[in-house]
Amino acid sequence: MYKAVYPHLHLYATDISYTHTFQKPLVALARQRAFRNAHGSCATSVAEALQLHASISHDADYVVASIVAETMHPPSCE
């Protein structure tokens, strides 16, 4: 997921949460601090505009995850 949003968002592992429901996996950004981009500027509007989609597959001991990050409307500059 880091590669999908960088440099627009500079994420840490603790910023990402994963939950599996019976219908589909859910990936979300856990807001523990203000979101920043790679240059250190505030990027909260970018984080709020994201829709995250996950696909998880497994076979025995191996797991593969694909994450797609999309935004329907480009965030406005603040």
PDB file of N, CA and C in Angstrom:
ATOM      1  N   MET A   1       0.806  -1.178   0.000  1.00  0.00           N
ATOM      2  CA  MET A   1       0.000   0.000   0.000  1.00  0.00           C
ATOM      3  C   MET A   1       0.862   1.260   0.000  1.00  0.00           C
ATOM      4  N   TYR A   2       2.007   1.172   0.618  1.00  0.00           N
ATOM      5  CA  TYR A   2       2.916   2.313   0.683  1.00  0.00           C
ATOM      6  C   TYR A   2       3.237   2.823  -0.721  1.00  0.00           C
ATOM      7  N   LYS A   3       3.508   1.914  -1.641  1.00  0.00           N
ATOM      8  CA  LYS A   3       3.872   2.314  -2.998  1.00  0.00           C
ATOM      9  C   LYS A   3       2.702   2.935  -3.750  1.00  0.00           C
ATOM     10  N   ALA A   4       1.484   2.578  -3.387  1.00  0.00           N
ATOM     11  CA  ALA A   4       0.313   3.109  -4.080  1.00  0.00           C
ATOM     12  C   ALA A   4       0.057   4.577  -3.752  1.00  0.00           C
ATOM     13  N   VAL A   5       0.431   5.032  -2.583  1.00  0.00           N
ATOM     14  CA  VAL A   5       0.090   6.391  -2.169  1.00  0.00           C
ATOM     15  C   VAL A   5       1.289   7.328  -2.019  1.00  0.00           C
ATOM     16  N   TYR A   6       2.508   6.811  -2.015  1.00  0.00           N
ATOM     17  CA  TYR A   6       3.698   7.646  -1.871  1.00  0.00           C
ATOM     18  C   TYR A   6       3.979   8.347  -3.191  1.00  0.00           C
ATOM     19  N   PRO A   7       4.312   9.587  -3.276  1.00  0.00           N
ATOM     20  CA  PRO A   7       4.696  10.562  -2.259  1.00  0.00           C
ATOM     21  C   PRO A   7       3.534  11.410  -1.733  1.00  0.00           C
ATOM     22  N   HIS A   8       2.305  11.113  -2.154  1.00  0.00           N
ATOM     23  CA  HIS A   8       1.157  11.911  -1.717  1.00  0.00           C
ATOM     24  C   HIS A   8       0.857  11.725  -0.234  1.00  0.00           C
ATOM     25  N   LEU A   9       1.122  10.514   0.271  1.00  0.00           N
ATOM     26  CA  LEU A   9       1.014  10.214   1.697  1.00  0.00           C
ATOM     27  C   LEU A   9       2.259   9.454   2.116  1.00  0.00           C
ATOM     28  N   HIS A  10       2.808   9.824   3.240  1.00  0.00           N
ATOM     29  CA  HIS A  10       3.941   9.104   3.810  1.00  0.00           C
ATOM     30  C   HIS A  10       3.399   8.296   4.983  1.00  0.00           C
ATOM     31  N   LEU A  11       3.135   7.011   4.736  1.00  0.00           N
ATOM     32  CA  LEU A  11       2.500   6.151   5.737  1.00  0.00           C
ATOM     33  C   LEU A  11       3.521   5.336   6.517  1.00  0.00           C
ATOM     34  N   TYR A  12       3.126   4.971   7.718  1.00  0.00           N
ATOM     35  CA  TYR A  12       3.865   4.017   8.541  1.00  0.00           C
ATOM     36  C   TYR A  12       2.994   2.771   8.693  1.00  0.00           C
ATOM     37  N   ALA A  13       3.588   1.674   9.070  1.00  0.00           N
ATOM     38  CA  ALA A  13       2.829   0.424   9.235  1.00  0.00           C
ATOM     39  C   ALA A  13       1.688   0.596  10.226  1.00  0.00           C
ATOM     40  N   THR A  14       1.874   1.411  11.234  1.00  0.00           N
ATOM     41  CA  THR A  14       0.831   1.616  12.241  1.00  0.00           C
ATOM     42  C   THR A  14      -0.338   2.460  11.728  1.00  0.00           C
ATOM     43  N   ASP A  15      -0.187   3.079  10.551  1.00  0.00           N
ATOM     44  CA  ASP A  15      -1.265   3.869   9.955  1.00  0.00           C
ATOM     45  C   ASP A  15      -2.283   3.010   9.219  1.00  0.00           C
ATOM     46  N   ILE A  16      -1.976   1.746   9.004  1.00  0.00           N
ATOM     47  CA  ILE A  16      -2.800   0.871   8.174  1.00  0.00           C
ATOM     48  C   ILE A  16      -3.461  -0.194   9.040  1.00  0.00           C
ATOM     49  N   SER A  17      -4.771  -0.360   8.868  1.00  0.00           N
ATOM     50  CA  SER A  17      -5.462  -1.429   9.583  1.00  0.00           C
ATOM     51  C   SER A  17      -6.161  -2.329   8.569  1.00  0.00           C
ATOM     52  N   TYR A  18      -6.272  -3.596   8.911  1.00  0.00           N
ATOM     53  CA  TYR A  18      -6.899  -4.593   8.041  1.00  0.00           C
ATOM     54  C   TYR A  18      -7.918  -5.374   8.855  1.00  0.00           C
ATOM     55  N   THR A  19      -9.113  -5.507   8.300  1.00  0.00           N
ATOM     56  CA  THR A  19     -10.164  -6.282   8.931  1.00  0.00           C
ATOM     57  C   THR A  19     -10.781  -7.183   7.879  1.00  0.00           C
ATOM     58  N   HIS A  20     -11.068  -8.405   8.246  1.00  0.00           N
ATOM     59  CA  HIS A  20     -11.704  -9.317   7.306  1.00  0.00           C
ATOM     60  C   HIS A  20     -13.115  -9.607   7.780  1.00  0.00           C
ATOM     61  N   THR A  21     -14.086  -9.255   6.946  1.00  0.00           N
ATOM     62  CA  THR A  21     -15.479  -9.581   7.239  1.00  0.00           C
ATOM     63  C   THR A  21     -15.863 -10.778   6.388  1.00  0.00           C
ATOM     64  N   PHE A  22     -17.080 -11.217   6.515  1.00  0.00           N
ATOM     65  CA  PHE A  22     -17.522 -12.355   5.714  1.00  0.00           C
ATOM     66  C   PHE A  22     -17.693 -11.993   4.246  1.00  0.00           C
ATOM     67  N   GLN A  23     -17.893 -10.717   3.958  1.00  0.00           N
ATOM     68  CA  GLN A  23     -18.103 -10.319   2.574  1.00  0.00           C
ATOM     69  C   GLN A  23     -16.813  -9.986   1.841  1.00  0.00           C
ATOM     70  N   LYS A  24     -15.959  -9.163   2.431  1.00  0.00           N
ATOM     71  CA  LYS A  24     -14.703  -8.797   1.769  1.00  0.00           C
ATOM     72  C   LYS A  24     -13.737  -8.204   2.770  1.00  0.00           C
ATOM     73  N   PRO A  25     -12.443  -8.216   2.440  1.00  0.00           N
ATOM     74  CA  PRO A  25     -11.455  -7.599   3.326  1.00  0.00           C
ATOM     75  C   PRO A  25     -11.588  -6.079   3.291  1.00  0.00           C
ATOM     76  N   LEU A  26     -11.267  -5.446   4.407  1.00  0.00           N
ATOM     77  CA  LEU A  26     -11.364  -3.998   4.520  1.00  0.00           C
ATOM     78  C   LEU A  26     -10.025  -3.445   4.993  1.00  0.00           C
ATOM     79  N   VAL A  27      -9.493  -2.514   4.224  1.00  0.00           N
ATOM     80  CA  VAL A  27      -8.252  -1.833   4.588  1.00  0.00           C
ATOM     81  C   VAL A  27      -8.612  -0.381   4.866  1.00  0.00           C
ATOM     82  N   ALA A  28      -8.092   0.151   5.952  1.00  0.00           N
ATOM     83  CA  ALA A  28      -8.395   1.533   6.326  1.00  0.00           C
ATOM     84  C   ALA A  28      -7.148   2.194   6.898  1.00  0.00           C
ATOM     85  N   LEU A  29      -7.161   3.506   6.870  1.00  0.00           N
ATOM     86  CA  LEU A  29      -6.088   4.275   7.488  1.00  0.00           C
ATOM     87  C   LEU A  29      -6.499   4.602   8.916  1.00  0.00           C
ATOM     88  N   ALA A  30      -5.675   4.211   9.858  1.00  0.00           N
ATOM     89  CA  ALA A  30      -5.924   4.484  11.274  1.00  0.00           C
ATOM     90  C   ALA A  30      -5.317   5.834  11.604  1.00  0.00           C
ATOM     91  N   ARG A  31      -6.131   6.748  12.044  1.00  0.00           N
ATOM     92  CA  ARG A  31      -5.667   8.112  12.277  1.00  0.00           C
ATOM     93  C   ARG A  31      -5.084   8.246  13.676  1.00  0.00           C
ATOM     94  N   GLN A  32      -3.781   8.062  13.777  1.00  0.00           N
ATOM     95  CA  GLN A  32      -3.099   8.200  15.058  1.00  0.00           C
ATOM     96  C   GLN A  32      -2.337   9.518  15.143  1.00  0.00           C
ATOM     97  N   ARG A  33      -2.108  10.132  13.998  1.00  0.00           N
ATOM     98  CA  ARG A  33      -1.420  11.418  13.935  1.00  0.00           C
ATOM     99  C   ARG A  33      -1.843  12.105  12.638  1.00  0.00           C
ATOM    100  N   ALA A  34      -1.453  13.324  12.447  1.00  0.00           N
ATOM    101  CA  ALA A  34      -1.782  14.039  11.210  1.00  0.00           C
ATOM    102  C   ALA A  34      -1.063  13.378  10.039  1.00  0.00           C
ATOM    103  N   PHE A  35      -1.761  13.212   8.945  1.00  0.00           N
ATOM    104  CA  PHE A  35      -1.146  12.623   7.759  1.00  0.00           C
ATOM    105  C   PHE A  35      -0.280  13.660   7.064  1.00  0.00           C
ATOM    106  N   ARG A  36       0.893  13.229   6.617  1.00  0.00           N
ATOM    107  CA  ARG A  36       1.845  14.102   5.934  1.00  0.00           C
ATOM    108  C   ARG A  36       2.217  13.480   4.596  1.00  0.00           C
ATOM    109  N   ASN A  37       2.662  14.315   3.656  1.00  0.00           N
ATOM    110  CA  ASN A  37       3.188  13.787   2.405  1.00  0.00           C
ATOM    111  C   ASN A  37       4.701  13.630   2.534  1.00  0.00           C
ATOM    112  N   ALA A  38       5.363  13.269   1.452  1.00  0.00           N
ATOM    113  CA  ALA A  38       6.800  13.012   1.488  1.00  0.00           C
ATOM    114  C   ALA A  38       7.618  14.259   1.810  1.00  0.00           C
ATOM    115  N   HIS A  39       7.032  15.436   1.606  1.00  0.00           N
ATOM    116  CA  HIS A  39       7.741  16.687   1.877  1.00  0.00           C
ATOM    117  C   HIS A  39       7.426  17.250   3.258  1.00  0.00           C
ATOM    118  N   GLY A  40       6.577  16.557   4.010  1.00  0.00           N
ATOM    119  CA  GLY A  40       6.241  16.988   5.358  1.00  0.00           C
ATOM    120  C   GLY A  40       5.025  17.889   5.459  1.00  0.00           C
ATOM    121  N   SER A  41       4.397  18.202   4.328  1.00  0.00           N
ATOM    122  CA  SER A  41       3.210  19.049   4.343  1.00  0.00           C
ATOM    123  C   SER A  41       1.982  18.238   4.766  1.00  0.00           C
ATOM    124  N   CYS A  42       0.977  18.924   5.283  1.00  0.00           N
ATOM    125  CA  CYS A  42      -0.259  18.277   5.704  1.00  0.00           C
ATOM    126  C   CYS A  42      -0.935  17.613   4.503  1.00  0.00           C
ATOM    127  N   ALA A  43      -1.369  16.375   4.672  1.00  0.00           N
ATOM    128  CA  ALA A  43      -2.012  15.622   3.592  1.00  0.00           C
ATOM    129  C   ALA A  43      -3.295  14.951   4.070  1.00  0.00           C
ATOM    130  N   THR A  44      -3.943  15.539   5.052  1.00  0.00           N
ATOM    131  CA  THR A  44      -5.170  14.966   5.592  1.00  0.00           C
ATOM    132  C   THR A  44      -6.261  14.889   4.534  1.00  0.00           C
ATOM    133  N   SER A  45      -6.384  15.910   3.680  1.00  0.00           N
ATOM    134  CA  SER A  45      -7.420  15.889   2.641  1.00  0.00           C
ATOM    135  C   SER A  45      -7.179  14.758   1.651  1.00  0.00           C
ATOM    136  N   VAL A  46      -5.922  14.425   1.385  1.00  0.00           N
ATOM    137  CA  VAL A  46      -5.605  13.293   0.500  1.00  0.00           C
ATOM    138  C   VAL A  46      -6.058  11.994   1.151  1.00  0.00           C
ATOM    139  N   ALA A  47      -5.746  11.814   2.424  1.00  0.00           N
ATOM    140  CA  ALA A  47      -6.122  10.589   3.135  1.00  0.00           C
ATOM    141  C   ALA A  47      -7.629  10.429   3.203  1.00  0.00           C
ATOM    142  N   GLU A  48      -8.350  11.520   3.406  1.00  0.00           N
ATOM    143  CA  GLU A  48      -9.808  11.450   3.497  1.00  0.00           C
ATOM    144  C   GLU A  48     -10.461  11.159   2.154  1.00  0.00           C
ATOM    145  N   ALA A  49      -9.808  11.508   1.043  1.00  0.00           N
ATOM    146  CA  ALA A  49     -10.376  11.295  -0.288  1.00  0.00           C
ATOM    147  C   ALA A  49     -10.132   9.883  -0.822  1.00  0.00           C
ATOM    148  N   LEU A  50      -9.277   9.114  -0.154  1.00  0.00           N
ATOM    149  CA  LEU A  50      -8.932   7.777  -0.650  1.00  0.00           C
ATOM    150  C   LEU A  50     -10.018   6.748  -0.394  1.00  0.00           C
ATOM    151  N   GLN A  51     -10.189   5.873  -1.377  1.00  0.00           N
ATOM    152  CA  GLN A  51     -10.961   4.650  -1.202  1.00  0.00           C
ATOM    153  C   GLN A  51      -9.974   3.511  -1.394  1.00  0.00           C
ATOM    154  N   LEU A  52      -9.926   2.599  -0.441  1.00  0.00           N
ATOM    155  CA  LEU A  52      -8.971   1.491  -0.486  1.00  0.00           C
ATOM    156  C   LEU A  52      -9.710   0.182  -0.720  1.00  0.00           C
ATOM    157  N   HIS A  53      -9.168  -0.635  -1.616  1.00  0.00           N
ATOM    158  CA  HIS A  53      -9.750  -1.926  -1.945  1.00  0.00           C
ATOM    159  C   HIS A  53      -8.673  -2.990  -1.760  1.00  0.00           C
ATOM    160  N   ALA A  54      -9.054  -4.128  -1.200  1.00  0.00           N
ATOM    161  CA  ALA A  54      -8.085  -5.188  -0.927  1.00  0.00           C
ATOM    162  C   ALA A  54      -8.555  -6.513  -1.516  1.00  0.00           C
ATOM    163  N   SER A  55      -7.594  -7.301  -1.934  1.00  0.00           N
ATOM    164  CA  SER A  55      -7.836  -8.666  -2.370  1.00  0.00           C
ATOM    165  C   SER A  55      -6.776  -9.537  -1.713  1.00  0.00           C
ATOM    166  N   ILE A  56      -7.217 -10.562  -0.994  1.00  0.00           N
ATOM    167  CA  ILE A  56      -6.313 -11.440  -0.266  1.00  0.00           C
ATOM    168  C   ILE A  56      -6.487 -12.858  -0.770  1.00  0.00           C
ATOM    169  N   SER A  57      -5.381 -13.522  -1.079  1.00  0.00           N
ATOM    170  CA  SER A  57      -5.405 -14.927  -1.488  1.00  0.00           C
ATOM    171  C   SER A  57      -4.402 -15.694  -0.649  1.00  0.00           C
ATOM    172  N   HIS A  58      -4.684 -16.970  -0.411  1.00  0.00           N
ATOM    173  CA  HIS A  58      -3.734 -17.775   0.345  1.00  0.00           C
ATOM    174  C   HIS A  58      -3.750 -19.208  -0.153  1.00  0.00           C
ATOM    175  N   ASP A  59      -2.623 -19.857   0.039  1.00  0.00           N
ATOM    176  CA  ASP A  59      -2.462 -21.264  -0.284  1.00  0.00           C
ATOM    177  C   ASP A  59      -1.476 -21.828   0.737  1.00  0.00           C
ATOM    178  N   ALA A  60      -1.975 -22.628   1.650  1.00  0.00           N
ATOM    179  CA  ALA A  60      -1.163 -23.204   2.733  1.00  0.00           C
ATOM    180  C   ALA A  60      -0.500 -22.080   3.529  1.00  0.00           C
ATOM    181  N   ASP A  61       0.824 -22.023   3.507  1.00  0.00           N
ATOM    182  CA  ASP A  61       1.566 -21.054   4.316  1.00  0.00           C
ATOM    183  C   ASP A  61       1.804 -19.716   3.620  1.00  0.00           C
ATOM    184  N   TYR A  62       1.322 -19.537   2.388  1.00  0.00           N
ATOM    185  CA  TYR A  62       1.624 -18.328   1.622  1.00  0.00           C
ATOM    186  C   TYR A  62       0.389 -17.450   1.469  1.00  0.00           C
ATOM    187  N   VAL A  63       0.590 -16.138   1.635  1.00  0.00           N
ATOM    188  CA  VAL A  63      -0.490 -15.160   1.503  1.00  0.00           C
ATOM    189  C   VAL A  63      -0.040 -14.071   0.539  1.00  0.00           C
ATOM    190  N   VAL A  64      -0.950 -13.673  -0.348  1.00  0.00           N
ATOM    191  CA  VAL A  64      -0.687 -12.586  -1.283  1.00  0.00           C
ATOM    192  C   VAL A  64      -1.804 -11.560  -1.123  1.00  0.00           C
ATOM    193  N   ALA A  65      -1.430 -10.297  -1.010  1.00  0.00           N
ATOM    194  CA  ALA A  65      -2.416  -9.224  -0.885  1.00  0.00           C
ATOM    195  C   ALA A  65      -2.182  -8.183  -1.967  1.00  0.00           C
ATOM    196  N   SER A  66      -3.270  -7.724  -2.559  1.00  0.00           N
ATOM    197  CA  SER A  66      -3.223  -6.619  -3.511  1.00  0.00           C
ATOM    198  C   SER A  66      -4.088  -5.501  -2.964  1.00  0.00           C
ATOM    199  N   ILE A  67      -3.554  -4.297  -2.961  1.00  0.00           N
ATOM    200  CA  ILE A  67      -4.277  -3.128  -2.471  1.00  0.00           C
ATOM    201  C   ILE A  67      -4.359  -2.116  -3.606  1.00  0.00           C
ATOM    202  N   VAL A  68      -5.550  -1.595  -3.844  1.00  0.00           N
ATOM    203  CA  VAL A  68      -5.754  -0.539  -4.832  1.00  0.00           C
ATOM    204  C   VAL A  68      -6.233   0.696  -4.085  1.00  0.00           C
ATOM    205  N   ALA A  69      -5.569   1.817  -4.324  1.00  0.00           N
ATOM    206  CA  ALA A  69      -5.960   3.090  -3.721  1.00  0.00           C
ATOM    207  C   ALA A  69      -6.484   3.985  -4.834  1.00  0.00           C
ATOM    208  N   GLU A  70      -7.693   4.519  -4.643  1.00  0.00           N
ATOM    209  CA  GLU A  70      -8.264   5.398  -5.661  1.00  0.00           C
ATOM    210  C   GLU A  70      -8.918   6.602  -5.001  1.00  0.00           C
ATOM    211  N   THR A  71      -9.006   7.650  -5.764  1.00  0.00           N
ATOM    212  CA  THR A  71      -9.737   8.831  -5.347  1.00  0.00           C
ATOM    213  C   THR A  71     -10.604   9.267  -6.515  1.00  0.00           C
ATOM    214  N   MET A  72     -11.851   9.509  -6.249  1.00  0.00           N
ATOM    215  CA  MET A  72     -12.786   9.891  -7.304  1.00  0.00           C
ATOM    216  C   MET A  72     -12.610  11.370  -7.680  1.00  0.00           C
ATOM    217  N   HIS A  73     -12.263  12.176  -6.709  1.00  0.00           N
ATOM    218  CA  HIS A  73     -12.075  13.607  -6.950  1.00  0.00           C
ATOM    219  C   HIS A  73     -10.724  13.998  -6.377  1.00  0.00           C
ATOM    220  N   PRO A  74      -9.881  14.652  -7.173  1.00  0.00           N
ATOM    221  CA  PRO A  74      -8.595  15.099  -6.627  1.00  0.00           C
ATOM    222  C   PRO A  74      -8.811  16.008  -5.428  1.00  0.00           C
ATOM    223  N   PRO A  75      -8.049  15.814  -4.368  1.00  0.00           N
ATOM    224  CA  PRO A  75      -8.219  16.675  -3.201  1.00  0.00           C
ATOM    225  C   PRO A  75      -7.810  18.114  -3.499  1.00  0.00           C
ATOM    226  N   SER A  76      -8.454  19.040  -2.851  1.00  0.00           N
ATOM    227  CA  SER A  76      -8.116  20.446  -3.051  1.00  0.00           C
ATOM    228  C   SER A  76      -6.932  20.810  -2.162  1.00  0.00           C
ATOM    229  N   CYS A  77      -6.191  21.802  -2.583  1.00  0.00           N
ATOM    230  CA  CYS A  77      -5.047  22.277  -1.799  1.00  0.00           C
ATOM    231  C   CYS A  77      -5.565  23.121  -0.648  1.00  0.00           C
ATOM    232  N   GLU A  78      -4.924  22.983   0.490  1.00  0.00           N
ATOM    233  CA  GLU A  78      -5.328  23.769   1.652  1.00  0.00           C
ATOM    234  C   GLU A  78      -4.249  24.763   1.988  1.00  0.00           C
TER     235      GLU A  78
END
